[in-house]
């Protein structure tokens, strides 16, 4: 399978926002809101063809965690 573009699509960005929103949404609900199949979200999160999605997901989770720690310290 060919490598995908490094640029995230609007659907990928929306999925990332929902994944890290802290709303506790189930994957099936995220997929329904974004308009994708659950297998697509799984592929974005796990396939080597989507490194940019995975990197951005990890970066946003880390950013969210650091904000939570800072709030707790304050």
N, C-alpha and C. Protein backbone atom coordinates (compact mmCIF):
# COMPACT_ATOMS: atom_id res chain seq x y z
N UNK A 1 0.85 -1.19 0.00
CA UNK A 1 0.00 0.00 0.00
C UNK A 1 0.89 1.24 0.00
N UNK A 2 0.56 2.20 -0.79
CA UNK A 2 1.35 3.42 -0.90
C UNK A 2 1.16 4.30 0.33
N UNK A 3 2.19 5.05 0.64
CA UNK A 3 2.11 5.99 1.76
C UNK A 3 1.10 7.08 1.48
N UNK A 4 0.37 7.45 2.53
CA UNK A 4 -0.62 8.51 2.41
C UNK A 4 0.07 9.86 2.60
N UNK A 5 -0.60 10.91 2.20
CA UNK A 5 -0.07 12.26 2.34
C UNK A 5 0.16 12.60 3.81
N UNK A 6 1.15 13.44 4.06
CA UNK A 6 1.41 13.89 5.43
C UNK A 6 0.32 14.84 5.93
N UNK A 7 -0.42 15.47 5.03
CA UNK A 7 -1.46 16.41 5.43
C UNK A 7 -2.67 15.64 5.94
N UNK A 8 -3.20 16.10 7.06
CA UNK A 8 -4.41 15.48 7.60
C UNK A 8 -5.63 16.02 6.87
N UNK A 9 -6.58 15.15 6.64
CA UNK A 9 -7.83 15.56 6.01
C UNK A 9 -8.73 16.20 7.06
N UNK A 10 -9.75 16.94 6.63
CA UNK A 10 -10.70 17.50 7.61
C UNK A 10 -11.35 16.42 8.47
N UNK A 11 -11.65 15.27 7.90
CA UNK A 11 -12.25 14.19 8.70
C UNK A 11 -11.26 13.65 9.72
N UNK A 12 -9.99 13.56 9.35
CA UNK A 12 -8.98 13.10 10.30
C UNK A 12 -8.83 14.11 11.44
N UNK A 13 -8.80 15.39 11.12
CA UNK A 13 -8.70 16.43 12.15
C UNK A 13 -9.89 16.37 13.10
N UNK A 14 -11.09 16.21 12.54
CA UNK A 14 -12.29 16.14 13.36
C UNK A 14 -12.24 14.91 14.27
N UNK A 15 -11.82 13.78 13.72
CA UNK A 15 -11.70 12.57 14.53
C UNK A 15 -10.70 12.77 15.67
N UNK A 16 -9.57 13.41 15.38
CA UNK A 16 -8.59 13.68 16.42
C UNK A 16 -9.17 14.55 17.52
N UNK A 17 -9.89 15.59 17.13
CA UNK A 17 -10.50 16.48 18.12
C UNK A 17 -11.44 15.71 19.04
N UNK A 18 -12.23 14.82 18.46
CA UNK A 18 -13.17 14.04 19.25
C UNK A 18 -12.46 13.01 20.12
N UNK A 19 -11.40 12.41 19.59
CA UNK A 19 -10.66 11.42 20.35
C UNK A 19 -10.05 12.00 21.63
N UNK A 20 -9.60 13.24 21.57
CA UNK A 20 -8.93 13.83 22.72
C UNK A 20 -9.81 14.83 23.47
N UNK A 21 -11.09 14.89 23.10
CA UNK A 21 -11.98 15.88 23.70
C UNK A 21 -12.26 15.66 25.18
N UNK A 22 -12.07 14.44 25.64
CA UNK A 22 -12.37 14.15 27.03
C UNK A 22 -13.84 13.90 27.28
N UNK A 23 -14.63 13.80 26.22
CA UNK A 23 -16.06 13.57 26.35
C UNK A 23 -16.39 12.10 26.56
N UNK A 24 -15.40 11.23 26.44
CA UNK A 24 -15.62 9.81 26.62
C UNK A 24 -16.46 9.17 25.53
N UNK A 25 -16.38 9.73 24.34
CA UNK A 25 -17.16 9.18 23.22
C UNK A 25 -16.62 7.81 22.82
N UNK A 26 -17.52 6.92 22.48
CA UNK A 26 -17.13 5.63 21.94
C UNK A 26 -16.64 5.81 20.51
N UNK A 27 -15.77 4.92 20.07
CA UNK A 27 -15.26 5.01 18.71
C UNK A 27 -16.39 5.00 17.69
N UNK A 28 -17.42 4.16 17.93
CA UNK A 28 -18.53 4.09 16.97
C UNK A 28 -19.26 5.43 16.88
N UNK A 29 -19.34 6.16 18.00
CA UNK A 29 -19.99 7.46 17.99
C UNK A 29 -19.13 8.52 17.29
N UNK A 30 -17.84 8.44 17.51
CA UNK A 30 -16.91 9.34 16.81
C UNK A 30 -17.03 9.11 15.31
N UNK A 31 -17.03 7.85 14.91
CA UNK A 31 -17.12 7.52 13.48
C UNK A 31 -18.42 8.01 12.88
N UNK A 32 -19.51 7.87 13.62
CA UNK A 32 -20.80 8.33 13.12
C UNK A 32 -20.80 9.84 12.94
N UNK A 33 -20.22 10.56 13.89
CA UNK A 33 -20.19 12.02 13.79
C UNK A 33 -19.28 12.49 12.66
N UNK A 34 -18.15 11.82 12.49
CA UNK A 34 -17.20 12.21 11.45
C UNK A 34 -17.66 11.74 10.07
N UNK A 35 -18.44 10.66 10.04
CA UNK A 35 -18.90 10.13 8.76
C UNK A 35 -17.94 9.13 8.16
N UNK A 36 -17.35 8.31 9.02
CA UNK A 36 -16.43 7.28 8.56
C UNK A 36 -16.83 5.94 9.15
N UNK A 37 -16.29 4.88 8.58
CA UNK A 37 -16.49 3.54 9.07
C UNK A 37 -15.53 3.30 10.23
N UNK A 38 -15.94 2.55 11.26
CA UNK A 38 -15.01 2.26 12.37
C UNK A 38 -13.69 1.64 11.91
N UNK A 39 -13.72 0.86 10.85
CA UNK A 39 -12.47 0.27 10.36
C UNK A 39 -11.52 1.35 9.83
N UNK A 40 -12.08 2.45 9.34
CA UNK A 40 -11.24 3.56 8.87
C UNK A 40 -10.51 4.20 10.04
N UNK A 41 -11.21 4.46 11.14
CA UNK A 41 -10.57 5.04 12.31
C UNK A 41 -9.51 4.09 12.85
N UNK A 42 -9.81 2.82 12.89
CA UNK A 42 -8.83 1.83 13.34
C UNK A 42 -7.59 1.88 12.45
N UNK A 43 -7.80 1.95 11.16
CA UNK A 43 -6.67 2.00 10.22
C UNK A 43 -5.84 3.26 10.45
N UNK A 44 -6.50 4.40 10.61
CA UNK A 44 -5.76 5.64 10.86
C UNK A 44 -4.91 5.53 12.12
N UNK A 45 -5.44 4.88 13.15
CA UNK A 45 -4.74 4.80 14.43
C UNK A 45 -3.64 3.76 14.44
N UNK A 46 -3.69 2.76 13.56
CA UNK A 46 -2.75 1.64 13.66
C UNK A 46 -1.87 1.38 12.44
N UNK A 47 -2.31 1.80 11.26
CA UNK A 47 -1.57 1.47 10.04
C UNK A 47 -0.34 2.35 9.88
N UNK A 48 0.72 1.73 9.42
CA UNK A 48 1.96 2.48 9.13
C UNK A 48 1.76 3.47 8.00
N UNK A 49 0.65 3.39 7.30
CA UNK A 49 0.38 4.31 6.20
C UNK A 49 -0.13 5.67 6.68
N UNK A 50 -0.38 5.81 7.97
CA UNK A 50 -0.92 7.06 8.50
C UNK A 50 -0.08 7.58 9.67
N UNK A 51 1.22 7.72 9.49
CA UNK A 51 2.06 8.16 10.61
C UNK A 51 1.72 9.57 11.10
N UNK A 52 1.31 10.45 10.20
CA UNK A 52 0.99 11.82 10.61
C UNK A 52 -0.21 11.84 11.56
N UNK A 53 -1.23 11.04 11.28
CA UNK A 53 -2.39 10.96 12.16
C UNK A 53 -1.96 10.45 13.54
N UNK A 54 -1.16 9.41 13.56
CA UNK A 54 -0.72 8.82 14.82
C UNK A 54 0.16 9.79 15.61
N UNK A 55 1.06 10.48 14.93
CA UNK A 55 1.93 11.45 15.60
C UNK A 55 1.10 12.59 16.19
N UNK A 56 0.15 13.07 15.43
CA UNK A 56 -0.68 14.18 15.91
C UNK A 56 -1.55 13.73 17.08
N UNK A 57 -2.06 12.52 17.03
CA UNK A 57 -2.86 11.97 18.12
C UNK A 57 -2.02 11.91 19.40
N UNK A 58 -0.82 11.38 19.29
CA UNK A 58 0.06 11.28 20.47
C UNK A 58 0.45 12.66 20.99
N UNK A 59 0.72 13.59 20.07
CA UNK A 59 1.09 14.95 20.48
C UNK A 59 -0.07 15.62 21.22
N UNK A 60 -1.27 15.48 20.72
CA UNK A 60 -2.43 16.10 21.36
C UNK A 60 -2.74 15.46 22.71
N UNK A 61 -2.57 14.14 22.80
CA UNK A 61 -2.77 13.47 24.10
C UNK A 61 -1.76 13.97 25.12
N UNK A 62 -0.51 14.11 24.70
CA UNK A 62 0.54 14.60 25.60
C UNK A 62 0.25 16.03 26.03
N UNK A 63 -0.16 16.86 25.09
CA UNK A 63 -0.51 18.25 25.37
C UNK A 63 -1.65 18.31 26.39
N UNK A 64 -2.65 17.48 26.19
CA UNK A 64 -3.80 17.44 27.10
C UNK A 64 -3.35 16.97 28.50
N UNK A 65 -2.50 15.96 28.54
CA UNK A 65 -2.01 15.46 29.82
C UNK A 65 -1.21 16.54 30.56
N UNK A 66 -0.35 17.23 29.86
CA UNK A 66 0.45 18.29 30.50
C UNK A 66 -0.44 19.41 31.02
N UNK A 67 -1.48 19.75 30.30
CA UNK A 67 -2.43 20.79 30.76
C UNK A 67 -3.15 20.32 32.02
N UNK A 68 -3.50 19.05 32.08
CA UNK A 68 -4.17 18.49 33.26
C UNK A 68 -3.22 18.52 34.46
N UNK A 69 -1.98 18.17 34.25
CA UNK A 69 -1.00 18.20 35.33
C UNK A 69 -0.79 19.62 35.84
N UNK A 70 -0.67 20.57 34.92
CA UNK A 70 -0.50 21.97 35.30
C UNK A 70 -1.70 22.48 36.10
N UNK A 71 -2.89 22.11 35.69
CA UNK A 71 -4.08 22.52 36.42
C UNK A 71 -4.10 21.92 37.82
N UNK A 72 -3.70 20.67 37.92
CA UNK A 72 -3.65 20.02 39.23
C UNK A 72 -2.62 20.65 40.15
N UNK A 73 -1.51 21.08 39.57
CA UNK A 73 -0.47 21.72 40.38
C UNK A 73 -0.89 23.11 40.87
N UNK A 74 -1.70 23.79 40.09
CA UNK A 74 -2.12 25.15 40.41
C UNK A 74 -3.16 25.15 41.49
